[in-house]
Amino acid sequence: MVKRIGTARRKTRHLFSVSRKMKGKIAVSGFVRKFGIGELVALVAQPAIVKGMYFRRFHGRTGTVVGMQGKCYQVSVSDRGVKKTLIVGPIHLRKAYGETAWNQK
């Protein structure tokens, strides 16, 4: 059996990077965002905050809020035809406009 090398953020230098004008202090409003159950959300990571971040495979995906677990949200995402439930912090979620995460304002 081959041992897995690295962590969950392995090979994410460009995937989780943000543009130059988006760098700096993070607004507190991102930590206290509210989402309702059944709401469509986009998984867009805030790379400066590791707590509550999902695995890199799900970056840019759209999911549905299923419930809450503490301060985090349970998000249902389809992964190659299989429904998976992720536990994601509110800083890493945005409201999805339309069916894909790239149609956001």
C-alpha atoms as a PDB file:
ATOM      1  CA  MET A   1       0.000   0.000   0.000  1.00  0.00           C
ATOM      2  CA  VAL A   2       1.375   3.384  -0.972  1.00  0.00           C
ATOM      3  CA  LYS A   3       1.344   6.055   1.693  1.00  0.00           C
ATOM      4  CA  ARG A   4      -0.342   9.355   0.793  1.00  0.00           C
ATOM      5  CA  ILE A   5       2.137  12.225   0.804  1.00  0.00           C
ATOM      6  CA  GLY A   6       1.117  15.733   1.742  1.00  0.00           C
ATOM      7  CA  THR A   7      -1.951  17.437   3.157  1.00  0.00           C
ATOM      8  CA  ALA A   8      -5.357  18.492   1.848  1.00  0.00           C
ATOM      9  CA  ARG A   9      -3.889  21.760   0.512  1.00  0.00           C
ATOM     10  CA  ARG A  10      -1.259  20.002  -1.595  1.00  0.00           C
ATOM     11  CA  LYS A  11      -0.920  21.396  -5.172  1.00  0.00           C
ATOM     12  CA  THR A  12      -3.172  24.414  -4.516  1.00  0.00           C
ATOM     13  CA  ARG A  13      -0.762  27.292  -5.134  1.00  0.00           C
ATOM     14  CA  HIS A  14      -2.727  28.629  -8.103  1.00  0.00           C
ATOM     15  CA  LEU A  15      -6.103  27.061  -7.323  1.00  0.00           C
ATOM     16  CA  PHE A  16      -6.639  28.945  -4.056  1.00  0.00           C
ATOM     17  CA  SER A  17      -4.807  32.140  -5.047  1.00  0.00           C
ATOM     18  CA  VAL A  18      -6.676  35.447  -5.139  1.00  0.00           C
ATOM     19  CA  SER A  19      -6.124  38.525  -7.264  1.00  0.00           C
ATOM     20  CA  ARG A  20      -3.926  41.337  -6.010  1.00  0.00           C
ATOM     21  CA  LYS A  21      -6.806  43.732  -5.360  1.00  0.00           C
ATOM     22  CA  MET A  22      -8.650  41.128  -3.269  1.00  0.00           C
ATOM     23  CA  LYS A  23      -5.749  40.732  -0.814  1.00  0.00           C
ATOM     24  CA  GLY A  24      -5.717  42.427   2.583  1.00  0.00           C
ATOM     25  CA  LYS A  25      -7.994  42.385   5.591  1.00  0.00           C
ATOM     26  CA  ILE A  26     -10.965  40.050   5.497  1.00  0.00           C
ATOM     27  CA  ALA A  27     -14.350  41.571   6.315  1.00  0.00           C
ATOM     28  CA  VAL A  28     -16.031  40.321   9.475  1.00  0.00           C
ATOM     29  CA  SER A  29     -19.336  40.029   7.592  1.00  0.00           C
ATOM     30  CA  GLY A  30     -17.977  36.947   5.805  1.00  0.00           C
ATOM     31  CA  PHE A  31     -17.744  35.045   9.082  1.00  0.00           C
ATOM     32  CA  VAL A  32     -21.346  35.746  10.078  1.00  0.00           C
ATOM     33  CA  ARG A  33     -23.110  35.104   6.752  1.00  0.00           C
ATOM     34  CA  LYS A  34     -26.489  33.397   7.050  1.00  0.00           C
ATOM     35  CA  PHE A  35     -27.791  30.788   4.623  1.00  0.00           C
ATOM     36  CA  GLY A  36     -31.139  29.039   4.731  1.00  0.00           C
ATOM     37  CA  ILE A  37     -31.681  25.319   4.346  1.00  0.00           C
ATOM     38  CA  GLY A  38     -32.218  24.457   0.694  1.00  0.00           C
ATOM     39  CA  GLU A  39     -30.350  27.551  -0.522  1.00  0.00           C
ATOM     40  CA  LEU A  40     -27.953  27.241  -3.463  1.00  0.00           C
ATOM     41  CA  VAL A  41     -24.363  28.153  -2.514  1.00  0.00           C
ATOM     42  CA  ALA A  42     -21.049  28.332  -4.365  1.00  0.00           C
ATOM     43  CA  LEU A  43     -17.905  26.897  -2.785  1.00  0.00           C
ATOM     44  CA  VAL A  44     -15.287  29.634  -3.194  1.00  0.00           C
ATOM     45  CA  ALA A  45     -12.437  29.287  -0.705  1.00  0.00           C
ATOM     46  CA  GLN A  46     -10.913  32.149   1.266  1.00  0.00           C
ATOM     47  CA  PRO A  47      -7.295  30.893   1.245  1.00  0.00           C
ATOM     48  CA  ALA A  48      -6.142  32.882   4.284  1.00  0.00           C
ATOM     49  CA  ILE A  49      -8.552  30.946   6.530  1.00  0.00           C
ATOM     50  CA  VAL A  50      -7.855  27.205   6.767  1.00  0.00           C
ATOM     51  CA  LYS A  51     -10.477  26.416   9.411  1.00  0.00           C
ATOM     52  CA  GLY A  52     -13.705  25.147   7.865  1.00  0.00           C
ATOM     53  CA  MET A  53     -12.177  24.760   4.392  1.00  0.00           C
ATOM     54  CA  TYR A  54     -13.235  21.899   2.140  1.00  0.00           C
ATOM     55  CA  PHE A  55     -11.042  19.582   0.023  1.00  0.00           C
ATOM     56  CA  ARG A  56      -9.608  21.131  -3.154  1.00  0.00           C
ATOM     57  CA  ARG A  57     -11.603  18.873  -5.486  1.00  0.00           C
ATOM     58  CA  PHE A  58     -14.791  20.770  -4.603  1.00  0.00           C
ATOM     59  CA  HIS A  59     -13.456  24.285  -5.361  1.00  0.00           C
ATOM     60  CA  GLY A  60     -15.818  26.161  -7.655  1.00  0.00           C
ATOM     61  CA  ARG A  61     -18.681  23.695  -7.266  1.00  0.00           C
ATOM     62  CA  THR A  62     -22.265  24.567  -6.447  1.00  0.00           C
ATOM     63  CA  GLY A  63     -24.154  22.810  -3.687  1.00  0.00           C
ATOM     64  CA  THR A  64     -27.264  22.971  -1.551  1.00  0.00           C
ATOM     65  CA  VAL A  65     -27.328  23.788   2.161  1.00  0.00           C
ATOM     66  CA  VAL A  66     -28.682  20.734   3.986  1.00  0.00           C
ATOM     67  CA  GLY A  67     -28.241  21.793   7.602  1.00  0.00           C
ATOM     68  CA  MET A  68     -25.942  23.293  10.211  1.00  0.00           C
ATOM     69  CA  GLN A  69     -23.238  21.786  12.392  1.00  0.00           C
ATOM     70  CA  GLY A  70     -22.096  24.285  14.986  1.00  0.00           C
ATOM     71  CA  LYS A  71     -21.131  27.477  13.149  1.00  0.00           C
ATOM     72  CA  CYS A  72     -20.563  25.602   9.878  1.00  0.00           C
ATOM     73  CA  TYR A  73     -22.986  24.529   7.180  1.00  0.00           C
ATOM     74  CA  GLN A  74     -23.580  21.062   5.779  1.00  0.00           C
ATOM     75  CA  VAL A  75     -23.494  21.394   1.985  1.00  0.00           C
ATOM     76  CA  SER A  76     -24.615  18.613  -0.354  1.00  0.00           C
ATOM     77  CA  VAL A  77     -22.447  18.407  -3.497  1.00  0.00           C
ATOM     78  CA  SER A  78     -22.511  15.969  -6.409  1.00  0.00           C
ATOM     79  CA  ASP A  79     -19.120  14.336  -6.959  1.00  0.00           C
ATOM     80  CA  ARG A  80     -19.007  12.157 -10.098  1.00  0.00           C
ATOM     81  CA  GLY A  81     -22.639  11.183  -9.673  1.00  0.00           C
ATOM     82  CA  VAL A  82     -22.382  10.532  -5.924  1.00  0.00           C
ATOM     83  CA  LYS A  83     -23.970  12.921  -3.422  1.00  0.00           C
ATOM     84  CA  LYS A  84     -21.516  13.976  -0.722  1.00  0.00           C
ATOM     85  CA  THR A  85     -22.043  16.172   2.329  1.00  0.00           C
ATOM     86  CA  LEU A  86     -19.319  18.674   3.187  1.00  0.00           C
ATOM     87  CA  ILE A  87     -18.969  20.668   6.389  1.00  0.00           C
ATOM     88  CA  VAL A  88     -17.946  24.175   5.324  1.00  0.00           C
ATOM     89  CA  GLY A  89     -17.468  27.426   7.210  1.00  0.00           C
ATOM     90  CA  PRO A  90     -19.508  30.464   6.079  1.00  0.00           C
ATOM     91  CA  ILE A  91     -16.375  32.376   4.988  1.00  0.00           C
ATOM     92  CA  HIS A  92     -15.878  29.813   2.185  1.00  0.00           C
ATOM     93  CA  LEU A  93     -19.451  30.057   0.862  1.00  0.00           C
ATOM     94  CA  ARG A  94     -21.203  32.568  -1.396  1.00  0.00           C
ATOM     95  CA  LYS A  95     -24.736  32.742  -2.699  1.00  0.00           C
ATOM     96  CA  ALA A  96     -24.902  31.084  -6.108  1.00  0.00           C
ATOM     97  CA  TYR A  97     -26.712  32.957  -8.841  1.00  0.00           C
ATOM     98  CA  GLY A  98     -27.963  30.444 -11.385  1.00  0.00           C
ATOM     99  CA  GLU A  99     -26.865  26.851 -11.688  1.00  0.00           C
ATOM    100  CA  THR A 100     -23.068  27.251 -11.631  1.00  0.00           C
ATOM    101  CA  ALA A 101     -20.666  28.892  -9.236  1.00  0.00           C
ATOM    102  CA  TRP A 102     -19.161  31.072 -11.991  1.00  0.00           C
ATOM    103  CA  ASN A 103     -22.388  33.062 -12.493  1.00  0.00           C
ATOM    104  CA  GLN A 104     -21.842  35.027  -9.295  1.00  0.00           C
ATOM    105  CA  LYS A 105     -21.792  38.811  -8.981  1.00  0.00           C
END
